[in-house]
C-alpha atoms as a PDB file:
ATOM      1  CA  MET A   1      60.751 175.520  81.006  1.00  0.00           C
ATOM      2  CA  ARG A   2      57.603 173.974  80.636  1.00  0.00           C
ATOM      3  CA  GLN A   3      55.869 173.222  77.286  1.00  0.00           C
ATOM      4  CA  VAL A   4      53.259 170.996  76.164  1.00  0.00           C
ATOM      5  CA  VAL A   5      52.964 169.514  72.730  1.00  0.00           C
ATOM      6  CA  LEU A   6      49.173 169.284  72.109  1.00  0.00           C
ATOM      7  CA  ASP A   7      46.735 167.716  69.098  1.00  0.00           C
ATOM      8  CA  THR A   8      43.238 167.497  68.598  1.00  0.00           C
ATOM      9  CA  GLU A   9      40.946 165.851  66.401  1.00  0.00           C
ATOM     10  CA  THR A  10      37.445 166.819  65.814  1.00  0.00           C
ATOM     11  CA  THR A  11      33.998 166.095  64.318  1.00  0.00           C
ATOM     12  CA  GLY A  12      34.445 168.279  61.822  1.00  0.00           C
ATOM     13  CA  LEU A  13      36.362 171.675  60.282  1.00  0.00           C
ATOM     14  CA  GLU A  14      34.244 174.314  61.502  1.00  0.00           C
ATOM     15  CA  VAL A  15      33.631 175.074  64.946  1.00  0.00           C
ATOM     16  CA  ASN A  16      30.887 177.682  64.099  1.00  0.00           C
ATOM     17  CA  LEU A  17      28.802 174.842  62.720  1.00  0.00           C
ATOM     18  CA  GLY A  18      28.546 173.054  65.822  1.00  0.00           C
ATOM     19  CA  HIS A  19      31.402 170.579  65.517  1.00  0.00           C
ATOM     20  CA  ARG A  20      33.227 169.273  68.468  1.00  0.00           C
ATOM     21  CA  VAL A  21      36.465 167.774  69.717  1.00  0.00           C
ATOM     22  CA  ILE A  22      36.308 164.034  70.271  1.00  0.00           C
ATOM     23  CA  GLU A  23      40.333 163.053  71.211  1.00  0.00           C
ATOM     24  CA  ILE A  24      42.527 165.510  72.755  1.00  0.00           C
ATOM     25  CA  ALA A  25      46.247 165.088  73.615  1.00  0.00           C
ATOM     26  CA  GLY A  26      49.184 166.500  75.126  1.00  0.00           C
ATOM     27  CA  VAL A  27      52.909 165.708  75.677  1.00  0.00           C
ATOM     28  CA  GLU A  28      55.080 167.424  78.202  1.00  0.00           C
ATOM     29  CA  LEU A  29      58.260 169.257  77.500  1.00  0.00           C
ATOM     30  CA  VAL A  30      60.875 170.508  80.447  1.00  0.00           C
ATOM     31  CA  ASN A  31      64.033 172.142  79.315  1.00  0.00           C
ATOM     32  CA  ARG A  32      63.760 170.647  76.022  1.00  0.00           C
ATOM     33  CA  ARG A  33      63.441 166.984  76.845  1.00  0.00           C
ATOM     34  CA  LEU A  34      60.180 164.602  77.010  1.00  0.00           C
ATOM     35  CA  SER A  35      59.403 164.743  80.981  1.00  0.00           C
ATOM     36  CA  GLY A  36      57.095 161.144  80.171  1.00  0.00           C
ATOM     37  CA  ARG A  37      53.886 163.085  81.356  1.00  0.00           C
ATOM     38  CA  ARG A  38      51.049 162.986  79.039  1.00  0.00           C
ATOM     39  CA  PHE A  39      47.486 163.788  78.615  1.00  0.00           C
ATOM     40  CA  HIS A  40      45.151 161.672  76.142  1.00  0.00           C
ATOM     41  CA  ARG A  41      41.339 161.481  76.459  1.00  0.00           C
ATOM     42  CA  TYR A  42      38.521 160.358  73.367  1.00  0.00           C
ATOM     43  CA  LEU A  43      35.594 162.285  74.258  1.00  0.00           C
ATOM     44  CA  ASN A  44      31.810 161.837  73.089  1.00  0.00           C
ATOM     45  CA  PRO A  45      30.524 164.907  71.354  1.00  0.00           C
ATOM     46  CA  GLY A  46      27.111 164.128  71.381  1.00  0.00           C
ATOM     47  CA  ARG A  47      26.922 164.495  67.586  1.00  0.00           C
ATOM     48  CA  GLU A  48      27.312 162.923  64.237  1.00  0.00           C
ATOM     49  CA  ILE A  49      31.201 162.857  62.817  1.00  0.00           C
ATOM     50  CA  GLU A  50      31.453 164.328  58.771  1.00  0.00           C
ATOM     51  CA  ALA A  51      32.476 161.315  56.662  1.00  0.00           C
ATOM     52  CA  GLY A  52      35.429 163.516  55.465  1.00  0.00           C
ATOM     53  CA  ALA A  53      36.514 163.534  59.307  1.00  0.00           C
ATOM     54  CA  LEU A  54      36.170 159.877  59.704  1.00  0.00           C
ATOM     55  CA  GLN A  55      38.353 159.443  56.549  1.00  0.00           C
ATOM     56  CA  VAL A  56      41.101 161.389  58.356  1.00  0.00           C
ATOM     57  CA  HIS A  57      41.137 160.155  62.002  1.00  0.00           C
ATOM     58  CA  GLY A  58      38.887 156.931  61.454  1.00  0.00           C
ATOM     59  CA  ILE A  59      37.255 157.444  65.047  1.00  0.00           C
ATOM     60  CA  THR A  60      33.471 156.717  64.771  1.00  0.00           C
ATOM     61  CA  ARG A  61      30.563 157.801  66.952  1.00  0.00           C
ATOM     62  CA  GLU A  62      30.170 154.437  68.046  1.00  0.00           C
ATOM     63  CA  PHE A  63      33.573 153.981  69.445  1.00  0.00           C
ATOM     64  CA  LEU A  64      33.007 157.002  71.472  1.00  0.00           C
ATOM     65  CA  GLN A  65      29.483 156.355  72.934  1.00  0.00           C
ATOM     66  CA  ASP A  66      31.162 155.612  76.560  1.00  0.00           C
ATOM     67  CA  LYS A  67      33.477 157.928  76.313  1.00  0.00           C
ATOM     68  CA  PRO A  68      33.450 161.128  78.822  1.00  0.00           C
ATOM     69  CA  ARG A  69      31.945 164.627  77.523  1.00  0.00           C
ATOM     70  CA  PHE A  70      34.334 167.344  77.679  1.00  0.00           C
ATOM     71  CA  GLN A  71      33.239 168.954  80.747  1.00  0.00           C
ATOM     72  CA  ASP A  72      34.049 165.576  82.643  1.00  0.00           C
ATOM     73  CA  VAL A  73      37.578 165.941  82.028  1.00  0.00           C
ATOM     74  CA  ALA A  74      38.129 169.874  81.652  1.00  0.00           C
ATOM     75  CA  SER A  75      39.026 170.270  85.023  1.00  0.00           C
ATOM     76  CA  GLU A  76      42.021 167.741  84.579  1.00  0.00           C
ATOM     77  CA  LEU A  77      43.084 169.052  81.376  1.00  0.00           C
ATOM     78  CA  LEU A  78      43.687 172.408  82.392  1.00  0.00           C
ATOM     79  CA  ASP A  79      45.618 171.347  85.414  1.00  0.00           C
ATOM     80  CA  PHE A  80      48.116 169.816  83.107  1.00  0.00           C
ATOM     81  CA  LEU A  81      48.139 172.607  80.431  1.00  0.00           C
ATOM     82  CA  ALA A  82      48.232 175.530  83.595  1.00  0.00           C
ATOM     83  CA  GLY A  83      51.207 177.942  83.130  1.00  0.00           C
ATOM     84  CA  ALA A  84      52.851 175.989  80.314  1.00  0.00           C
ATOM     85  CA  GLU A  85      53.718 177.097  76.907  1.00  0.00           C
ATOM     86  CA  LEU A  86      51.414 175.442  74.072  1.00  0.00           C
ATOM     87  CA  ILE A  87      53.020 173.657  70.968  1.00  0.00           C
ATOM     88  CA  ILE A  88      50.205 173.207  68.391  1.00  0.00           C
ATOM     89  CA  HIS A  89      50.482 172.557  64.668  1.00  0.00           C
ATOM     90  CA  ASN A  90      47.898 175.076  63.001  1.00  0.00           C
ATOM     91  CA  ALA A  91      47.278 176.599  66.195  1.00  0.00           C
ATOM     92  CA  PRO A  92      44.113 178.881  65.578  1.00  0.00           C
ATOM     93  CA  PHE A  93      42.053 175.479  64.414  1.00  0.00           C
ATOM     94  CA  ASP A  94      43.314 173.758  67.972  1.00  0.00           C
ATOM     95  CA  VAL A  95      42.597 176.763  70.092  1.00  0.00           C
ATOM     96  CA  ALA A  96      39.213 177.696  68.507  1.00  0.00           C
ATOM     97  CA  PHE A  97      37.659 174.260  68.922  1.00  0.00           C
ATOM     98  CA  LEU A  98      39.221 174.367  72.829  1.00  0.00           C
ATOM     99  CA  ASP A  99      37.751 177.985  73.329  1.00  0.00           C
ATOM    100  CA  GLY A 100      34.436 176.726  72.059  1.00  0.00           C
ATOM    101  CA  GLU A 101      34.789 173.440  74.179  1.00  0.00           C
ATOM    102  CA  LEU A 102      35.443 175.912  77.333  1.00  0.00           C
ATOM    103  CA  THR A 103      32.476 177.932  76.497  1.00  0.00           C
ATOM    104  CA  LEU A 104      29.990 175.345  76.842  1.00  0.00           C
ATOM    105  CA  ALA A 105      31.779 173.965  80.007  1.00  0.00           C
ATOM    106  CA  GLY A 106      31.128 177.471  81.485  1.00  0.00           C
ATOM    107  CA  LEU A 107      34.864 178.053  81.567  1.00  0.00           C
ATOM    108  CA  ARG A 108      37.797 181.073  80.278  1.00  0.00           C
ATOM    109  CA  PRO A 109      39.348 180.870  77.421  1.00  0.00           C
ATOM    110  CA  LEU A 110      42.515 178.777  77.001  1.00  0.00           C
ATOM    111  CA  ALA A 111      44.546 181.686  76.665  1.00  0.00           C
ATOM    112  CA  GLU A 112      43.852 182.470  80.111  1.00  0.00           C
ATOM    113  CA  TYR A 113      45.716 179.218  81.698  1.00  0.00           C
ATOM    114  CA  CYS A 114      48.677 179.320  79.281  1.00  0.00           C
ATOM    115  CA  THR A 115      51.613 181.622  79.000  1.00  0.00           C
ATOM    116  CA  THR A 116      51.711 181.533  75.192  1.00  0.00           C
ATOM    117  CA  VAL A 117      51.147 179.448  72.517  1.00  0.00           C
ATOM    118  CA  THR A 118      53.660 178.782  69.486  1.00  0.00           C
ATOM    119  CA  ASP A 119      52.013 177.706  66.195  1.00  0.00           C
ATOM    120  CA  THR A 120      54.873 175.227  64.455  1.00  0.00           C
ATOM    121  CA  LEU A 121      53.186 175.419  60.974  1.00  0.00           C
ATOM    122  CA  ARG A 122      53.610 179.252  61.238  1.00  0.00           C
ATOM    123  CA  MET A 123      57.055 179.048  62.211  1.00  0.00           C
ATOM    124  CA  ALA A 124      57.508 176.465  59.485  1.00  0.00           C
ATOM    125  CA  ARG A 125      56.555 178.533  56.734  1.00  0.00           C
ATOM    126  CA  GLU A 126      59.102 181.176  58.146  1.00  0.00           C
ATOM    127  CA  LEU A 127      61.581 178.585  57.813  1.00  0.00           C
ATOM    128  CA  HIS A 128      60.650 176.510  54.723  1.00  0.00           C
ATOM    129  CA  PRO A 129      58.874 179.267  52.566  1.00  0.00           C
ATOM    130  CA  GLY A 130      57.299 177.807  49.790  1.00  0.00           C
ATOM    131  CA  LYS A 131      57.415 174.114  50.810  1.00  0.00           C
ATOM    132  CA  ARG A 132      54.862 171.809  52.205  1.00  0.00           C
ATOM    133  CA  ASN A 133      54.925 172.014  55.703  1.00  0.00           C
ATOM    134  CA  SER A 134      52.213 169.702  57.018  1.00  0.00           C
ATOM    135  CA  LEU A 135      53.303 167.372  59.612  1.00  0.00           C
ATOM    136  CA  ASP A 136      54.409 164.550  57.474  1.00  0.00           C
ATOM    137  CA  ALA A 137      56.146 166.868  55.077  1.00  0.00           C
ATOM    138  CA  LEU A 138      58.489 168.175  58.140  1.00  0.00           C
ATOM    139  CA  CYS A 139      58.831 164.645  59.761  1.00  0.00           C
ATOM    140  CA  GLU A 140      60.588 163.463  56.118  1.00  0.00           C
ATOM    141  CA  ARG A 141      62.148 166.953  56.124  1.00  0.00           C
ATOM    142  CA  TYR A 142      63.558 166.148  59.492  1.00  0.00           C
ATOM    143  CA  ARG A 143      63.957 162.289  59.343  1.00  0.00           C
ATOM    144  CA  ILE A 144      61.755 161.764  61.900  1.00  0.00           C
ATOM    145  CA  ASP A 145      60.194 158.325  61.889  1.00  0.00           C
ATOM    146  CA  ASN A 146      56.477 158.495  60.849  1.00  0.00           C
ATOM    147  CA  SER A 147      55.574 155.280  59.324  1.00  0.00           C
ATOM    148  CA  THR A 148      53.072 154.362  61.845  1.00  0.00           C
ATOM    149  CA  ARG A 149      50.775 157.301  61.074  1.00  0.00           C
ATOM    150  CA  THR A 150      48.390 155.783  58.657  1.00  0.00           C
ATOM    151  CA  LEU A 151      45.499 157.943  60.083  1.00  0.00           C
ATOM    152  CA  HIS A 152      45.694 161.113  62.217  1.00  0.00           C
ATOM    153  CA  GLY A 153      45.564 160.265  66.052  1.00  0.00           C
ATOM    154  CA  ALA A 154      45.808 163.253  68.473  1.00  0.00           C
ATOM    155  CA  LEU A 155      48.822 161.403  70.762  1.00  0.00           C
ATOM    156  CA  LEU A 156      50.763 159.802  68.076  1.00  0.00           C
ATOM    157  CA  ASP A 157      50.652 163.386  66.359  1.00  0.00           C
ATOM    158  CA  ALA A 158      51.678 165.379  69.765  1.00  0.00           C
ATOM    159  CA  GLU A 159      54.445 163.136  69.942  1.00  0.00           C
ATOM    160  CA  LEU A 160      56.045 163.521  66.379  1.00  0.00           C
ATOM    161  CA  LEU A 161      55.338 167.092  66.365  1.00  0.00           C
ATOM    162  CA  ALA A 162      57.532 167.274  69.886  1.00  0.00           C
ATOM    163  CA  GLU A 163      60.464 165.712  67.973  1.00  0.00           C
ATOM    164  CA  VAL A 164      59.708 168.140  64.978  1.00  0.00           C
ATOM    165  CA  TYR A 165      59.473 171.007  67.524  1.00  0.00           C
ATOM    166  CA  LEU A 166      62.898 170.204  69.130  1.00  0.00           C
ATOM    167  CA  ALA A 167      64.561 169.873  65.127  1.00  0.00           C
ATOM    168  CA  MET A 168      63.037 173.179  63.896  1.00  0.00           C
ATOM    169  CA  THR A 169      64.484 174.554  67.017  1.00  0.00           C
ATOM    170  CA  ARG A 170      67.710 172.981  67.910  1.00  0.00           C
ATOM    171  CA  GLY A 171      70.436 175.631  67.815  1.00  0.00           C
ATOM    172  CA  GLN A 172      74.203 174.409  67.025  1.00  0.00           C
ATOM    173  CA  GLU A 173      74.795 174.930  70.797  1.00  0.00           C
ATOM    174  CA  SER A 174      72.574 171.802  71.372  1.00  0.00           C
ATOM    175  CA  LEU A 175      74.722 169.345  69.963  1.00  0.00           C
ATOM    176  CA  VAL A 176      76.749 169.188  72.939  1.00  0.00           C
ATOM    177  CA  MET A 177      74.335 170.397  75.273  1.00  0.00           C
ATOM    178  CA  ASP A 178      71.750 167.776  74.701  1.00  0.00           C
ATOM    179  CA  MET A 179      74.240 165.445  75.801  1.00  0.00           C
ATOM    180  CA  LEU A 180      74.711 166.525  79.314  1.00  0.00           C
ATOM    181  CA  PRO A 181      72.960 166.163  82.548  1.00  0.00           C
ATOM    182  CA  GLU A 182      69.796 168.219  83.379  1.00  0.00           C
ATOM    183  CA  ARG A 183      71.512 171.097  85.094  1.00  0.00           C
ATOM    184  CA  GLU A 184      73.463 174.220  83.458  1.00  0.00           C
ATOM    185  CA  ALA A 185      76.693 173.081  81.400  1.00  0.00           C
ATOM    186  CA  SER A 186      79.886 174.987  82.302  1.00  0.00           C
ATOM    187  CA  GLN A 187      83.167 174.735  80.146  1.00  0.00           C
ATOM    188  CA  SER A 188      84.302 172.210  82.637  1.00  0.00           C
ATOM    189  CA  ASP A 189      81.630 169.660  81.410  1.00  0.00           C
ATOM    190  CA  LEU A 190      82.416 169.801  77.911  1.00  0.00           C
ATOM    191  CA  PRO A 191      84.881 166.499  76.777  1.00  0.00           C
ATOM    192  CA  ASP A 192      88.515 167.655  76.267  1.00  0.00           C
ATOM    193  CA  SER A 193      88.317 166.974  72.474  1.00  0.00           C
ATOM    194  CA  VAL A 194      85.997 169.645  72.500  1.00  0.00           C
ATOM    195  CA  GLN A 195      87.264 172.158  74.985  1.00  0.00           C
ATOM    196  CA  ASP A 196      90.256 171.722  72.440  1.00  0.00           C
ATOM    197  CA  LEU A 197      89.135 172.590  69.343  1.00  0.00           C
ATOM    198  CA  PRO A 198      91.011 175.329  67.172  1.00  0.00           C
ATOM    199  CA  VAL A 199      89.017 178.083  66.192  1.00  0.00           C
ATOM    200  CA  ILE A 200      89.515 179.125  62.674  1.00  0.00           C
ATOM    201  CA  PRO A 201      87.990 182.269  61.457  1.00  0.00           C
ATOM    202  CA  ALA A 202      86.324 182.672  58.237  1.00  0.00           C
ATOM    203  CA  SER A 203      88.215 183.864  55.083  1.00  0.00           C
ATOM    204  CA  GLU A 204      86.885 187.182  53.261  1.00  0.00           C
ATOM    205  CA  GLU A 205      85.850 184.754  50.535  1.00  0.00           C
ATOM    206  CA  GLU A 206      83.720 182.719  52.968  1.00  0.00           C
ATOM    207  CA  LEU A 207      82.161 185.819  54.507  1.00  0.00           C
ATOM    208  CA  LEU A 208      81.503 187.041  51.406  1.00  0.00           C
ATOM    209  CA  ALA A 209      79.477 183.690  50.519  1.00  0.00           C
ATOM    210  CA  HIS A 210      77.819 183.622  53.600  1.00  0.00           C
ATOM    211  CA  ARG A 211      76.038 187.097  53.252  1.00  0.00           C
ATOM    212  CA  LEU A 212      75.123 186.364  49.787  1.00  0.00           C
ATOM    213  CA  GLN A 213      73.512 182.913  50.923  1.00  0.00           C
ATOM    214  CA  LEU A 214      71.733 184.876  53.506  1.00  0.00           C
ATOM    215  CA  ASP A 215      70.691 187.576  51.082  1.00  0.00           C
ATOM    216  CA  ASP A 216      68.965 184.859  49.154  1.00  0.00           C
ATOM    217  CA  ILE A 217      67.115 183.754  51.797  1.00  0.00           C
ATOM    218  CA  ASP A 218      65.947 187.094  53.096  1.00  0.00           C
ATOM    219  CA  LYS A 219      65.012 187.770  49.720  1.00  0.00           C
ATOM    220  CA  ALA A 220      62.879 184.211  49.681  1.00  0.00           C
ATOM    221  CA  SER A 221      61.465 184.746  53.135  1.00  0.00           C
ATOM    222  CA  LYS A 222      60.527 188.333  52.633  1.00  0.00           C
ATOM    223  CA  GLY A 223      62.716 190.011  54.950  1.00  0.00           C
ATOM    224  CA  GLN A 224      62.208 187.129  57.453  1.00  0.00           C
ATOM    225  CA  CYS A 225      65.844 186.106  57.612  1.00  0.00           C
ATOM    226  CA  LEU A 226      67.100 185.525  61.382  1.00  0.00           C
ATOM    227  CA  TRP A 227      70.604 185.346  61.067  1.00  0.00           C
ATOM    228  CA  LYS A 228      70.410 188.934  59.223  1.00  0.00           C
ATOM    229  CA  ARG A 229      68.044 190.699  61.998  1.00  0.00           C
ATOM    230  CA  LEU A 230      70.248 189.386  64.565  1.00  0.00           C
ATOM    231  CA  GLU A 231      73.540 191.118  62.656  1.00  0.00           C
ATOM    232  CA  GLN A 232      71.591 194.215  62.673  1.00  0.00           C
ATOM    233  CA  PRO A 233      73.221 196.275  65.514  1.00  0.00           C
ATOM    234  CA  ALA A 234      70.823 197.377  68.280  1.00  0.00           C
END
């Protein structure tokens, strides 16, 4: 399974007003592990950067003057993204800007190069309804060190988001699986101490408490409790 965690920085918030991508970065995950492959480019937008955007990322037009245009790196970018699932925080924003850049470069929309796009902001809102789900908030929630993030930056944000995504999607089975080599784990791969663990069934009181907890989660998430869906007969 190949995924690319992607982030962009832009000249402003509205692609329909002609704002452009000025930084793009992606880090590759293969079978839920960082592969070490990455793509990172600063881009000359050919236009001014809004003051509000500058306060967020600190990238000036002067810094970008000698950087390539999007169309100059588009082929390399698409080669990196081809066939991957994209992991993006607030995906509609980034996808709209990238589709805008691809259109200006005479290329097809992003969806025609990638298998699917997963929006981690939507995922976080389903997992943590009613809570702050910005990248900084998620780093704090999952105890991921973001102390170097004083300004937004596409590469740093993509690296942090990769850790957040892995934390959000890590099931109990990965507590052992992630420590094994990159091959399919069998029962014989597990340490003896794990194989010999006794199985203690839940008591009726514990099962009742479990069901009540799921009911609370289901109510708070407006019927989006995944565990309750899995428990329903096919």
